[in-house]
Amino acid sequence: GTSLPNFMALVDAVNASEVDGSINNDGIQCSKTNGGKVEARGPLFQMNLFEDFDTKVSAMHTTLLSESKTTMKNVPNAKRSSQYDPNRHRPLLLVLQKLRLYDEDLDGGLARHHVKMRDM
């Protein structure tokens, strides 16, 4: 599916607030003034995607994938949806580490803008 790539793109869009200067490429403010001083903003999250995060889970995936390839050859398409599908069942671990305080105006604006542009 597209949910993981869509979510990761959303996090990347929010993290784009680290753009230098007061306005980023999308026209959204990405700096704040603090006593007349421009304060640079950094990324909100550090994002890491792990495919092989546990040896037991990875071994189970490999076994199920091998079994499904063998048994899927003669299975009609209508029944395949209940079988092991690595695009839907592949175990992945996405870890987000928050790096700074959330700013509703900045981060929320970037997220809303990203979703609006993605859905056009």
N, C-alpha and C. Protein backbone atom coordinates (compact mmCIF):
# COMPACT_ATOMS: atom_id res chain seq x y z
N GLY A 1 0.81 -1.18 0.00
CA GLY A 1 0.00 0.00 0.00
C GLY A 1 0.86 1.26 0.00
N THR A 2 0.19 2.37 0.11
CA THR A 2 0.89 3.65 0.09
C THR A 2 0.89 4.37 1.44
N SER A 3 0.30 3.76 2.47
CA SER A 3 0.18 4.48 3.75
C SER A 3 1.54 4.77 4.38
N LEU A 4 2.48 3.83 4.33
CA LEU A 4 3.79 4.08 4.92
C LEU A 4 4.55 5.17 4.15
N PRO A 5 4.66 5.07 2.83
CA PRO A 5 5.34 6.15 2.10
C PRO A 5 4.65 7.51 2.29
N ASN A 6 3.31 7.52 2.34
CA ASN A 6 2.60 8.77 2.57
C ASN A 6 2.92 9.36 3.94
N PHE A 7 2.94 8.50 4.96
CA PHE A 7 3.23 8.99 6.31
C PHE A 7 4.68 9.50 6.40
N MET A 8 5.61 8.76 5.81
CA MET A 8 7.01 9.18 5.84
C MET A 8 7.20 10.50 5.10
N ALA A 9 6.48 10.70 4.00
CA ALA A 9 6.55 11.96 3.26
C ALA A 9 5.98 13.11 4.11
N LEU A 10 4.94 12.82 4.88
CA LEU A 10 4.37 13.83 5.78
C LEU A 10 5.39 14.24 6.84
N VAL A 11 6.06 13.27 7.44
CA VAL A 11 7.10 13.58 8.44
C VAL A 11 8.22 14.39 7.79
N ASP A 12 8.63 14.01 6.58
CA ASP A 12 9.66 14.77 5.87
C ASP A 12 9.21 16.21 5.62
N ALA A 13 7.94 16.39 5.29
CA ALA A 13 7.42 17.74 5.04
C ALA A 13 7.46 18.58 6.31
N VAL A 14 7.09 17.99 7.44
CA VAL A 14 7.15 18.72 8.71
C VAL A 14 8.60 19.01 9.08
N ASN A 15 9.47 18.06 8.83
CA ASN A 15 10.89 18.26 9.12
C ASN A 15 11.53 19.32 8.22
N ALA A 16 10.87 19.68 7.12
CA ALA A 16 11.41 20.67 6.19
C ALA A 16 11.48 22.05 6.81
N SER A 17 10.98 22.22 8.01
CA SER A 17 11.03 23.53 8.67
C SER A 17 12.46 23.95 8.99
N GLU A 18 13.42 23.05 8.74
CA GLU A 18 14.81 23.41 8.99
C GLU A 18 15.39 24.27 7.86
N VAL A 19 14.57 24.57 6.85
CA VAL A 19 15.03 25.42 5.74
C VAL A 19 15.56 26.73 6.30
N ASP A 20 16.69 27.18 5.79
CA ASP A 20 17.32 28.40 6.27
C ASP A 20 16.51 29.62 5.85
N GLY A 21 16.40 30.59 6.69
CA GLY A 21 15.66 31.80 6.37
C GLY A 21 14.30 31.79 7.02
N SER A 22 13.51 32.81 6.75
CA SER A 22 12.23 32.92 7.44
C SER A 22 11.07 32.31 6.68
N ILE A 23 11.22 32.06 5.39
CA ILE A 23 10.14 31.48 4.59
C ILE A 23 10.72 30.30 3.81
N ASN A 24 10.01 29.14 3.84
CA ASN A 24 10.51 28.02 3.06
C ASN A 24 9.96 28.08 1.64
N ASN A 25 10.23 27.07 0.83
CA ASN A 25 9.84 27.08 -0.59
C ASN A 25 8.33 27.11 -0.80
N ASP A 26 7.56 26.65 0.17
CA ASP A 26 6.10 26.63 0.04
C ASP A 26 5.46 27.89 0.59
N GLY A 27 6.26 28.87 0.99
CA GLY A 27 5.72 30.12 1.51
C GLY A 27 5.26 30.04 2.95
N ILE A 28 5.70 29.03 3.67
CA ILE A 28 5.30 28.87 5.07
C ILE A 28 6.44 29.32 5.96
N GLN A 29 6.10 30.11 6.99
CA GLN A 29 7.12 30.62 7.90
C GLN A 29 7.81 29.46 8.61
N CYS A 30 9.13 29.48 8.65
CA CYS A 30 9.85 28.39 9.30
C CYS A 30 10.86 28.91 10.30
N SER A 31 10.75 30.15 10.69
CA SER A 31 11.59 30.72 11.74
C SER A 31 10.71 31.56 12.63
N LYS A 32 11.15 31.78 13.84
CA LYS A 32 10.41 32.63 14.76
C LYS A 32 11.34 33.72 15.25
N THR A 33 10.75 34.84 15.61
CA THR A 33 11.56 35.90 16.18
C THR A 33 11.46 35.83 17.69
N ASN A 34 12.57 36.02 18.34
CA ASN A 34 12.63 35.97 19.79
C ASN A 34 13.39 37.21 20.23
N GLY A 35 12.66 38.24 20.62
CA GLY A 35 13.30 39.49 20.98
C GLY A 35 13.97 40.15 19.80
N GLY A 36 13.35 40.03 18.61
CA GLY A 36 13.90 40.63 17.41
C GLY A 36 14.97 39.80 16.74
N LYS A 37 15.30 38.66 17.32
CA LYS A 37 16.34 37.79 16.79
C LYS A 37 15.69 36.62 16.05
N VAL A 38 16.15 36.34 14.83
CA VAL A 38 15.61 35.20 14.07
C VAL A 38 16.20 33.92 14.64
N GLU A 39 15.31 32.99 14.95
CA GLU A 39 15.71 31.72 15.56
C GLU A 39 15.46 30.61 14.55
N ALA A 40 16.49 29.90 14.17
CA ALA A 40 16.34 28.82 13.20
C ALA A 40 15.62 27.64 13.84
N ARG A 41 14.77 26.99 13.07
CA ARG A 41 14.05 25.81 13.55
C ARG A 41 14.67 24.59 12.90
N GLY A 42 14.75 23.50 13.63
CA GLY A 42 15.27 22.25 13.08
C GLY A 42 14.15 21.26 12.87
N PRO A 43 14.50 20.06 12.45
CA PRO A 43 13.49 19.02 12.23
C PRO A 43 12.77 18.66 13.53
N LEU A 44 11.52 18.26 13.42
CA LEU A 44 10.72 17.86 14.57
C LEU A 44 11.03 16.42 14.98
N PHE A 45 11.26 15.56 13.99
CA PHE A 45 11.50 14.14 14.27
C PHE A 45 12.75 13.63 13.58
N GLN A 46 13.37 12.66 14.21
CA GLN A 46 14.36 11.82 13.54
C GLN A 46 13.60 10.54 13.21
N MET A 47 13.67 10.09 11.97
CA MET A 47 12.88 8.95 11.52
C MET A 47 13.81 7.83 11.06
N ASN A 48 13.55 6.62 11.56
CA ASN A 48 14.31 5.43 11.16
C ASN A 48 13.34 4.30 10.87
N LEU A 49 13.53 3.63 9.74
CA LEU A 49 12.70 2.50 9.35
C LEU A 49 13.56 1.24 9.43
N PHE A 50 13.07 0.25 10.18
CA PHE A 50 13.79 -1.01 10.35
C PHE A 50 12.98 -2.14 9.73
N GLU A 51 13.61 -2.87 8.81
CA GLU A 51 12.95 -4.02 8.20
C GLU A 51 13.26 -5.30 8.96
N ASP A 52 14.47 -5.44 9.42
CA ASP A 52 14.88 -6.65 10.15
C ASP A 52 15.20 -6.27 11.59
N PHE A 53 14.14 -5.99 12.36
CA PHE A 53 14.32 -5.51 13.73
C PHE A 53 14.33 -6.62 14.75
N ASP A 54 13.93 -7.83 14.35
CA ASP A 54 13.89 -8.96 15.26
C ASP A 54 14.15 -10.23 14.46
N THR A 55 15.10 -11.03 14.88
CA THR A 55 15.48 -12.21 14.10
C THR A 55 14.34 -13.22 13.99
N LYS A 56 13.55 -13.39 15.06
CA LYS A 56 12.43 -14.33 15.01
C LYS A 56 11.36 -13.86 14.02
N VAL A 57 11.04 -12.58 14.06
CA VAL A 57 10.03 -12.02 13.15
C VAL A 57 10.52 -12.12 11.71
N SER A 58 11.79 -11.81 11.47
CA SER A 58 12.35 -11.90 10.11
C SER A 58 12.33 -13.33 9.60
N ALA A 59 12.64 -14.30 10.47
CA ALA A 59 12.62 -15.71 10.07
C ALA A 59 11.20 -16.15 9.73
N MET A 60 10.22 -15.70 10.53
CA MET A 60 8.83 -16.04 10.25
C MET A 60 8.39 -15.45 8.91
N HIS A 61 8.81 -14.22 8.64
CA HIS A 61 8.48 -13.57 7.36
C HIS A 61 9.06 -14.38 6.19
N THR A 62 10.31 -14.76 6.30
CA THR A 62 10.98 -15.52 5.24
C THR A 62 10.26 -16.85 4.99
N THR A 63 9.89 -17.53 6.07
CA THR A 63 9.19 -18.82 5.96
C THR A 63 7.83 -18.63 5.30
N LEU A 64 7.05 -17.65 5.78
CA LEU A 64 5.73 -17.41 5.22
C LEU A 64 5.80 -16.97 3.76
N LEU A 65 6.80 -16.17 3.44
CA LEU A 65 6.97 -15.73 2.06
C LEU A 65 7.28 -16.91 1.15
N SER A 66 8.16 -17.79 1.59
CA SER A 66 8.51 -18.97 0.81
C SER A 66 7.31 -19.89 0.63
N GLU A 67 6.57 -20.12 1.72
CA GLU A 67 5.38 -20.98 1.66
C GLU A 67 4.31 -20.38 0.75
N SER A 68 4.13 -19.07 0.83
CA SER A 68 3.08 -18.45 0.03
C SER A 68 3.42 -18.49 -1.46
N LYS A 69 4.70 -18.37 -1.80
CA LYS A 69 5.09 -18.45 -3.21
C LYS A 69 4.82 -19.85 -3.76
N THR A 70 5.05 -20.85 -2.93
CA THR A 70 4.83 -22.24 -3.36
C THR A 70 3.35 -22.53 -3.52
N THR A 71 2.54 -22.09 -2.56
CA THR A 71 1.11 -22.42 -2.59
C THR A 71 0.30 -21.48 -3.47
N MET A 72 0.83 -20.32 -3.80
CA MET A 72 0.06 -19.33 -4.56
C MET A 72 -0.02 -19.64 -6.05
N LYS A 73 0.80 -20.53 -6.54
CA LYS A 73 0.83 -20.80 -7.97
C LYS A 73 -0.53 -21.23 -8.52
N ASN A 74 -1.27 -22.03 -7.76
CA ASN A 74 -2.54 -22.56 -8.24
C ASN A 74 -3.75 -21.96 -7.52
N VAL A 75 -3.55 -20.88 -6.78
CA VAL A 75 -4.65 -20.25 -6.05
C VAL A 75 -5.26 -19.15 -6.91
N PRO A 76 -6.59 -19.17 -7.08
CA PRO A 76 -7.25 -18.10 -7.86
C PRO A 76 -7.04 -16.73 -7.20
N ASN A 77 -7.04 -15.69 -8.01
CA ASN A 77 -6.82 -14.33 -7.51
C ASN A 77 -7.78 -13.95 -6.38
N ALA A 78 -9.03 -14.38 -6.46
CA ALA A 78 -10.03 -14.02 -5.46
C ALA A 78 -9.64 -14.54 -4.08
N LYS A 79 -8.97 -15.67 -4.01
CA LYS A 79 -8.59 -16.25 -2.71
C LYS A 79 -7.21 -15.80 -2.25
N ARG A 80 -6.44 -15.17 -3.11
CA ARG A 80 -5.08 -14.76 -2.75
C ARG A 80 -5.07 -13.68 -1.67
N SER A 81 -6.13 -12.90 -1.58
CA SER A 81 -6.14 -11.81 -0.60
C SER A 81 -6.02 -12.31 0.83
N SER A 82 -6.43 -13.56 1.10
CA SER A 82 -6.33 -14.09 2.45
C SER A 82 -4.98 -14.75 2.70
N GLN A 83 -4.17 -14.87 1.68
CA GLN A 83 -2.84 -15.46 1.82
C GLN A 83 -1.83 -14.41 2.28
N TYR A 84 -0.63 -14.87 2.59
CA TYR A 84 0.43 -13.96 3.04
C TYR A 84 0.86 -13.07 1.88
N ASP A 85 0.74 -11.79 2.06
CA ASP A 85 1.12 -10.80 1.05
C ASP A 85 2.18 -9.90 1.67
N PRO A 86 3.43 -9.96 1.21
CA PRO A 86 4.48 -9.16 1.84
C PRO A 86 4.23 -7.65 1.77
N ASN A 87 3.44 -7.20 0.79
CA ASN A 87 3.12 -5.77 0.71
C ASN A 87 2.19 -5.34 1.84
N ARG A 88 1.43 -6.27 2.38
CA ARG A 88 0.51 -5.93 3.49
C ARG A 88 0.99 -6.48 4.82
N HIS A 89 1.68 -7.62 4.81
CA HIS A 89 2.00 -8.30 6.05
C HIS A 89 3.46 -8.17 6.49
N ARG A 90 4.31 -7.63 5.66
CA ARG A 90 5.74 -7.51 5.98
C ARG A 90 5.91 -6.69 7.25
N PRO A 91 6.53 -7.28 8.26
CA PRO A 91 6.72 -6.54 9.51
C PRO A 91 7.80 -5.46 9.37
N LEU A 92 7.40 -4.23 9.64
CA LEU A 92 8.31 -3.08 9.59
C LEU A 92 8.18 -2.33 10.91
N LEU A 93 9.25 -1.71 11.32
CA LEU A 93 9.22 -0.90 12.54
C LEU A 93 9.69 0.50 12.18
N LEU A 94 8.80 1.47 12.33
CA LEU A 94 9.13 2.87 12.08
C LEU A 94 9.28 3.55 13.43
N VAL A 95 10.46 4.11 13.67
CA VAL A 95 10.74 4.76 14.95
C VAL A 95 10.90 6.25 14.72
N LEU A 96 10.11 7.04 15.44
CA LEU A 96 10.21 8.49 15.40
C LEU A 96 10.72 8.96 16.76
N GLN A 97 11.77 9.78 16.73
CA GLN A 97 12.28 10.38 17.96
C GLN A 97 12.04 11.88 17.87
N LYS A 98 11.31 12.41 18.82
CA LYS A 98 10.99 13.83 18.83
C LYS A 98 12.25 14.61 19.22
N LEU A 99 12.59 15.62 18.41
CA LEU A 99 13.83 16.36 18.61
C LEU A 99 13.64 17.74 19.23
N ARG A 100 12.43 18.26 19.14
CA ARG A 100 12.16 19.59 19.70
C ARG A 100 10.68 19.69 20.03
N LEU A 101 10.29 20.79 20.65
CA LEU A 101 8.89 21.01 20.98
C LEU A 101 8.07 21.21 19.72
N TYR A 102 6.84 20.71 19.74
CA TYR A 102 5.91 20.86 18.63
C TYR A 102 5.40 22.30 18.61
N ASP A 103 5.36 22.89 17.44
CA ASP A 103 4.85 24.24 17.24
C ASP A 103 3.64 24.14 16.33
N GLU A 104 2.45 24.37 16.86
CA GLU A 104 1.21 24.20 16.09
C GLU A 104 1.20 25.05 14.83
N ASP A 105 1.61 26.31 14.95
CA ASP A 105 1.59 27.18 13.78
C ASP A 105 2.54 26.68 12.69
N LEU A 106 3.76 26.39 13.07
CA LEU A 106 4.78 25.97 12.12
C LEU A 106 4.56 24.53 11.64
N ASP A 107 4.59 23.59 12.58
CA ASP A 107 4.53 22.17 12.22
C ASP A 107 3.15 21.79 11.70
N GLY A 108 2.11 22.28 12.36
CA GLY A 108 0.75 22.00 11.89
C GLY A 108 0.51 22.59 10.51
N GLY A 109 1.03 23.80 10.28
CA GLY A 109 0.90 24.42 8.97
C GLY A 109 1.60 23.64 7.88
N LEU A 110 2.79 23.15 8.18
CA LEU A 110 3.53 22.34 7.21
C LEU A 110 2.79 21.04 6.91
N ALA A 111 2.24 20.41 7.95
CA ALA A 111 1.51 19.15 7.75
C ALA A 111 0.25 19.38 6.93
N ARG A 112 -0.52 20.41 7.28
CA ARG A 112 -1.75 20.69 6.53
C ARG A 112 -1.44 21.03 5.07
N HIS A 113 -0.40 21.81 4.85
CA HIS A 113 -0.01 22.18 3.48
C HIS A 113 0.39 20.93 2.69
N HIS A 114 1.16 20.05 3.31
CA HIS A 114 1.60 18.83 2.64
C HIS A 114 0.40 17.98 2.21
N VAL A 115 -0.53 17.76 3.15
CA VAL A 115 -1.70 16.93 2.85
C VAL A 115 -2.54 17.57 1.75
N LYS A 116 -2.71 18.89 1.82
CA LYS A 116 -3.48 19.60 0.80
C LYS A 116 -2.84 19.42 -0.59
N MET A 117 -1.52 19.57 -0.68
CA MET A 117 -0.84 19.42 -1.96
C MET A 117 -0.84 17.96 -2.44
N ARG A 118 -0.72 17.03 -1.53
CA ARG A 118 -0.70 15.61 -1.88
C ARG A 118 -2.06 15.17 -2.43
N ASP A 119 -3.13 15.72 -1.88
CA ASP A 119 -4.47 15.29 -2.26
C ASP A 119 -5.01 16.02 -3.48
N MET A 120 -4.23 16.90 -4.09
CA MET A 120 -4.69 17.63 -5.27
C MET A 120 -4.67 16.74 -6.50
